[in-house]
Protein backbone atom coordinates (compact mmCIF):
# COMPACT_ATOMS: atom_id res chain seq x y z
CA MET A 1 1.82 23.03 -2.67
CA PHE A 2 -0.81 25.15 -0.92
CA PHE A 3 -1.79 22.93 2.01
CA SER A 4 -0.78 19.39 3.06
CA GLU A 5 -3.35 16.91 4.29
CA ARG A 6 -0.99 13.94 3.85
CA ASN A 7 -1.12 11.32 6.61
CA SER A 8 2.23 10.35 8.18
CA LEU A 9 3.92 7.18 6.87
CA SER A 10 6.08 6.79 9.97
CA LYS A 11 4.05 3.94 11.51
CA PHE A 12 3.91 2.24 8.14
CA ARG A 13 7.68 2.22 7.82
CA ASP A 14 8.35 1.36 11.48
CA THR A 15 6.23 -1.78 11.40
CA LYS A 16 7.52 -3.15 8.09
CA ILE A 17 11.04 -2.03 7.28
CA ILE A 18 12.78 -4.43 9.67
CA PHE A 19 11.28 -7.34 7.73
CA MET A 20 11.96 -6.01 4.25
CA LYS A 21 15.41 -4.34 4.29
CA VAL A 22 16.37 -5.91 1.01
CA SER A 23 13.17 -4.94 -0.77
CA SER A 24 12.74 -1.76 -2.69
CA ARG A 25 10.15 0.74 -1.49
CA ARG A 26 8.06 0.06 -4.56
CA GLN A 27 8.16 -3.72 -3.99
CA PHE A 28 7.21 -3.07 -0.39
CA ILE A 29 4.05 -1.33 -1.53
CA LEU A 30 3.22 -4.13 -3.94
CA ASP A 31 3.69 -6.71 -1.23
CA SER A 32 1.61 -4.81 1.28
CA ALA A 33 -1.25 -4.68 -1.19
CA LYS A 34 -1.77 -8.40 -0.58
CA ILE A 35 -2.71 -7.80 3.04
CA SER A 36 -6.45 -8.09 3.72
CA PHE A 37 -8.43 -5.09 4.84
CA VAL A 38 -9.54 -5.53 8.48
CA THR A 39 -10.00 -2.13 10.12
CA LEU A 40 -11.00 1.27 8.71
CA LEU A 41 -9.68 3.72 11.26
CA ALA A 42 -6.24 2.43 12.21
CA PRO A 43 -4.83 2.70 14.79
CA ARG A 44 -8.24 2.98 16.53
CA SER A 45 -9.75 -0.45 17.30
CA ILE A 46 -13.19 -1.49 16.19
CA THR A 47 -14.19 -1.71 19.86
CA SER A 48 -13.17 1.90 20.35
CA LEU A 49 -15.10 2.98 17.25
CA VAL A 50 -18.32 1.30 18.41
CA LYS A 51 -17.91 2.80 21.88
CA ASP A 52 -17.40 6.30 20.48
CA ASN A 53 -20.15 5.90 17.84
CA PRO A 54 -22.78 3.66 19.46
CA THR A 55 -25.31 4.34 16.67
CA SER A 56 -23.10 2.78 14.01
CA SER A 57 -24.17 -0.67 12.84
CA LEU A 58 -22.18 -0.85 9.62
CA PRO A 59 -19.28 -3.25 9.08
CA ILE A 60 -15.84 -1.68 9.08
CA VAL A 61 -13.55 -2.09 6.08
CA SER A 62 -9.78 -1.68 6.54
CA MET A 63 -6.49 -0.57 5.02
CA PRO A 64 -3.86 -0.72 7.77
CA ASP A 65 -0.89 -0.60 5.38
CA ALA A 66 -2.30 1.75 2.78
CA ILE A 67 -0.49 4.84 1.57
CA PHE A 68 -3.57 7.01 2.01
CA LYS A 69 -5.91 6.50 4.96
CA GLN A 70 -9.13 7.91 6.28
CA THR A 71 -8.74 10.25 9.21
CA PRO A 72 -11.02 9.35 12.14
CA LEU A 73 -14.04 11.61 12.33
CA PRO A 74 -13.58 14.38 14.91
CA TYR A 75 -17.10 13.76 16.22
CA THR A 76 -19.57 10.88 16.57
CA TYR A 77 -21.94 9.97 13.76
CA ASN A 78 -24.90 11.49 15.57
CA ALA A 79 -23.09 14.68 16.60
CA LEU A 80 -24.42 16.78 13.69
CA GLU A 81 -28.09 15.96 14.28
CA PRO A 82 -30.55 17.32 13.32
CA TRP A 83 -28.71 18.97 10.43
CA ILE A 84 -27.04 15.83 9.13
CA ASP A 85 -28.65 12.62 10.31
CA THR A 86 -26.78 9.76 11.92
CA GLN A 87 -27.44 7.20 9.21
CA THR A 88 -26.25 9.49 6.45
CA MET A 89 -23.01 10.22 8.32
CA ASP A 90 -22.49 6.51 8.93
CA ILE A 91 -23.03 5.50 5.30
CA HIS A 92 -21.27 8.52 3.87
CA TYR A 93 -18.13 7.93 5.91
CA ASN A 94 -17.97 4.13 6.12
CA LYS A 95 -19.20 3.33 2.64
CA HIS A 96 -18.76 6.13 0.16
CA ALA A 97 -15.62 7.79 1.54
CA ALA A 98 -14.02 4.48 2.54
CA LEU A 99 -14.42 3.20 -1.03
CA TYR A 100 -12.76 6.31 -2.46
CA CYS A 101 -9.82 5.70 -0.14
CA LYS A 102 -9.57 2.00 -1.03
CA ASN A 103 -9.84 2.63 -4.76
CA LEU A 104 -7.24 5.41 -4.56
CA ASN A 105 -4.75 3.05 -2.94
CA ASP A 106 -5.50 0.38 -5.56
CA ALA A 107 -4.86 2.94 -8.33
CA VAL A 108 -1.63 4.12 -6.69
CA ILE A 109 -0.31 0.53 -6.75
CA ALA A 110 -1.60 -0.27 -10.23
CA GLU A 111 -0.18 2.90 -11.76
CA LYS A 112 3.12 2.67 -9.87
CA VAL A 113 2.90 6.04 -8.18
CA ASP A 114 5.82 6.97 -5.89
CA PRO A 115 4.52 6.27 -2.37
CA ASP A 116 6.23 9.43 -1.13
CA ARG A 117 4.25 11.60 -3.52
CA SER A 118 1.75 13.85 -1.74
CA LEU A 119 -1.93 13.75 -2.59
CA GLU A 120 -1.80 17.41 -3.51
CA ASP A 121 1.04 16.77 -5.95
CA LEU A 122 -0.90 13.86 -7.40
CA LEU A 123 -3.95 16.07 -7.92
CA ALA A 124 -1.80 18.77 -9.57
CA GLY A 125 -0.86 16.28 -12.29
CA ILE A 126 -4.05 14.23 -12.35
CA SER A 127 -4.49 14.52 -16.12
CA LYS A 128 -1.60 12.07 -16.55
CA PHE A 129 -3.44 9.31 -14.70
CA SER A 130 -6.52 7.13 -15.21
CA ALA A 131 -10.15 8.07 -14.61
CA LYS A 132 -10.03 5.78 -11.59
CA MET A 133 -7.19 7.78 -10.09
CA LEU A 134 -8.91 11.07 -10.86
CA ASN A 135 -12.24 10.13 -9.31
CA ASN A 136 -10.84 8.50 -6.21
CA ALA A 137 -7.93 10.88 -5.48
CA GLY A 138 -10.46 13.72 -5.70
CA GLY A 139 -13.03 11.82 -3.67
CA HIS A 140 -10.56 11.07 -0.90
CA TYR A 141 -9.15 14.62 -0.71
CA ASN A 142 -12.61 16.26 -0.85
CA HIS A 143 -14.09 14.10 1.88
CA GLU A 144 -11.08 14.33 4.23
CA MET A 145 -11.47 18.10 4.00
CA PHE A 146 -15.27 17.97 4.28
CA TRP A 147 -15.31 16.08 7.62
CA LYS A 148 -13.01 18.66 9.18
CA SER A 149 -15.11 21.50 7.79
CA LEU A 150 -18.06 20.39 9.94
CA THR A 151 -18.60 20.68 13.70
CA PRO A 152 -21.49 20.32 16.14
CA ASN A 153 -20.36 23.64 17.65
CA GLY A 154 -20.39 25.82 14.59
CA ASP A 155 -20.35 29.61 14.68
CA VAL A 156 -22.79 31.70 12.67
CA GLN A 157 -19.91 33.20 10.66
CA PRO A 158 -16.13 33.41 10.69
CA LYS A 159 -14.13 36.00 12.58
CA GLY A 160 -10.91 38.00 12.23
CA THR A 161 -8.87 38.00 9.04
CA LEU A 162 -11.09 35.48 7.21
CA LEU A 163 -14.24 37.48 7.83
CA ALA A 164 -12.46 40.66 6.77
CA ALA A 165 -11.29 39.02 3.53
CA ILE A 166 -14.78 37.73 2.77
CA GLU A 167 -16.33 41.13 3.42
CA LYS A 168 -13.69 42.82 1.27
CA GLU A 169 -14.29 40.44 -1.66
CA PHE A 170 -18.06 39.99 -1.45
CA SER A 171 -19.14 43.25 0.25
CA SER A 172 -20.68 41.38 3.22
CA PHE A 173 -20.82 37.92 4.73
CA ASP A 174 -24.53 37.66 3.80
CA ASN A 175 -23.61 38.46 0.17
CA PHE A 176 -20.93 35.76 0.21
CA LYS A 177 -23.36 33.27 1.74
CA ALA A 178 -26.08 33.99 -0.86
CA ARG A 179 -23.61 33.52 -3.71
CA PHE A 180 -22.22 30.30 -2.26
CA VAL A 181 -25.73 28.95 -1.73
CA ASP A 182 -26.64 29.78 -5.34
CA MET A 183 -23.49 28.00 -6.58
CA ALA A 184 -24.35 24.89 -4.55
CA LYS A 185 -28.01 24.88 -5.60
CA THR A 186 -27.29 25.29 -9.30
CA ARG A 187 -24.47 22.71 -9.52
CA PHE A 188 -25.96 20.37 -12.12
CA GLY A 189 -25.92 16.71 -11.08
CA SER A 190 -23.30 15.66 -8.56
CA GLY A 191 -20.39 17.79 -7.45
CA TRP A 192 -19.07 20.38 -5.00
CA ALA A 193 -19.40 24.07 -4.25
CA TRP A 194 -16.23 25.80 -3.12
CA LEU A 195 -14.78 28.91 -1.56
CA ILE A 196 -11.19 28.98 -2.80
CA MET A 197 -8.15 31.23 -2.75
CA ILE A 198 -6.51 31.62 -6.16
CA PRO A 199 -2.74 32.24 -6.41
CA ASP A 200 -3.06 36.03 -6.26
CA LYS A 201 -4.77 35.53 -2.88
CA LYS A 202 -8.20 36.57 -4.17
CA LEU A 203 -11.23 34.68 -2.86
CA ILE A 204 -13.45 32.98 -5.45
CA ILE A 205 -16.70 31.00 -5.26
CA THR A 206 -16.81 28.17 -7.79
CA SER A 207 -17.95 24.57 -8.28
CA THR A 208 -16.68 21.37 -9.75
CA PRO A 209 -18.38 18.27 -11.14
CA ASN A 210 -18.20 14.81 -9.64
CA GLN A 211 -15.20 14.49 -7.26
CA ASN A 212 -13.08 17.07 -9.02
CA ASN A 213 -11.54 19.94 -7.09
CA THR A 214 -9.63 23.12 -7.79
CA LEU A 215 -6.19 21.65 -7.00
CA MET A 216 -6.44 19.54 -10.19
CA ASP A 217 -4.66 20.58 -13.36
CA ILE A 218 -7.90 19.97 -15.25
CA ALA A 219 -9.89 22.50 -13.15
CA GLU A 220 -11.25 25.55 -14.97
CA ILE A 221 -10.40 27.70 -11.94
CA LYS A 222 -7.41 26.66 -9.84
CA GLY A 223 -6.76 27.51 -6.22
CA LEU A 224 -6.68 26.28 -2.66
CA PRO A 225 -10.08 25.01 -1.42
CA LEU A 226 -10.95 26.80 1.86
CA LEU A 227 -14.52 25.53 2.23
CA GLY A 228 -16.33 22.83 0.26
CA LEU A 229 -19.89 21.57 0.29
CA ASP A 230 -20.67 18.08 -0.99
CA VAL A 231 -23.85 18.23 -3.07
CA TRP A 232 -23.85 14.63 -4.20
CA GLU A 233 -27.24 13.08 -3.36
CA HIS A 234 -25.62 10.51 -1.06
CA ALA A 235 -24.66 13.43 1.25
CA TYR A 236 -28.27 14.38 1.98
CA TYR A 237 -30.91 12.21 0.31
CA LEU A 238 -31.94 10.03 3.30
CA LYS A 239 -33.05 13.12 5.24
CA TYR A 240 -33.79 15.73 2.63
CA GLN A 241 -34.75 13.65 -0.45
CA ASN A 242 -34.78 16.07 -3.39
CA ARG A 243 -34.69 19.19 -1.19
CA ARG A 244 -31.08 20.12 -1.82
CA ALA A 245 -31.82 23.72 -0.84
CA ASP A 246 -32.85 22.63 2.70
CA TYR A 247 -29.61 20.62 3.07
CA ILE A 248 -27.59 23.65 1.97
CA ASP A 249 -29.36 25.87 4.50
CA SER A 250 -28.61 23.36 7.24
CA PHE A 251 -24.92 23.29 6.29
CA TRP A 252 -24.41 26.82 7.67
CA LYS A 253 -25.40 25.62 11.18
CA ILE A 254 -22.42 23.26 11.34
CA VAL A 255 -19.55 24.92 9.48
CA ASN A 256 -16.22 24.70 11.34
CA TRP A 257 -14.99 28.22 10.66
CA ASN A 258 -11.88 27.62 12.82
CA TYR A 259 -10.76 24.98 10.34
CA VAL A 260 -11.52 27.22 7.36
CA GLN A 261 -9.51 29.95 9.07
CA GLN A 262 -6.54 27.58 9.46
CA ARG A 263 -6.57 26.88 5.77
CA PHE A 264 -6.86 30.55 4.99
CA ASP A 265 -3.95 31.39 7.31
CA SER A 266 -1.74 28.70 5.71
CA VAL A 267 -1.37 30.72 2.55
CA LEU A 268 -1.28 34.28 3.90
């Protein structure tokens, strides 16, 4: 698989296995599903979260024993102001993305998915699963990548090998940017715009509907997502209303090109 974003299960096993030696791994997962949800960003405490993100007033949902978990944001909710407002980040992360993660774990249990199966492998065979699995596996993967693709200290453009590859494929960075913007602006309804690398290591700009992505076996164009832009209205409507183009323009101020470079380097 191109790139692994799978969270470690070591803490999960360490805290439970001594109590359930006679249980099968699958039964372990079924049993753990009965545990109530009490904290979203384990192992960080709610006190720590509020201290780090003093502008957050939303309740925290939790999945301490889930197979898939949300990664803590690498910045505070207000860190991307004025480009992405605090309230949008708060709701987007704690409500929308949290629900994708919860529903994904529910689907994994209901559809008896091997808990050791990676999210990327699940996406590669997503056509064999339910619509609930498709929507929420995609939603979780896409958002986990999206948070890391943003930074309050963004550069104007990438550097090094990534910039060279973009310039080779699209003639110039400005040309690439214009084509990506057009793809994001013209995505009908909800979905994502992507810069991806297809298996022959060629860079492609594409888009997908809803929470689909290019790792899925149902994708028209398949490849490793390097950079993705969420153009669902929940990602921008509080600040930009129907001005999707303004939101897209703001996105370039906060792209984490170092992270995009890491993904690019992972398949060179």
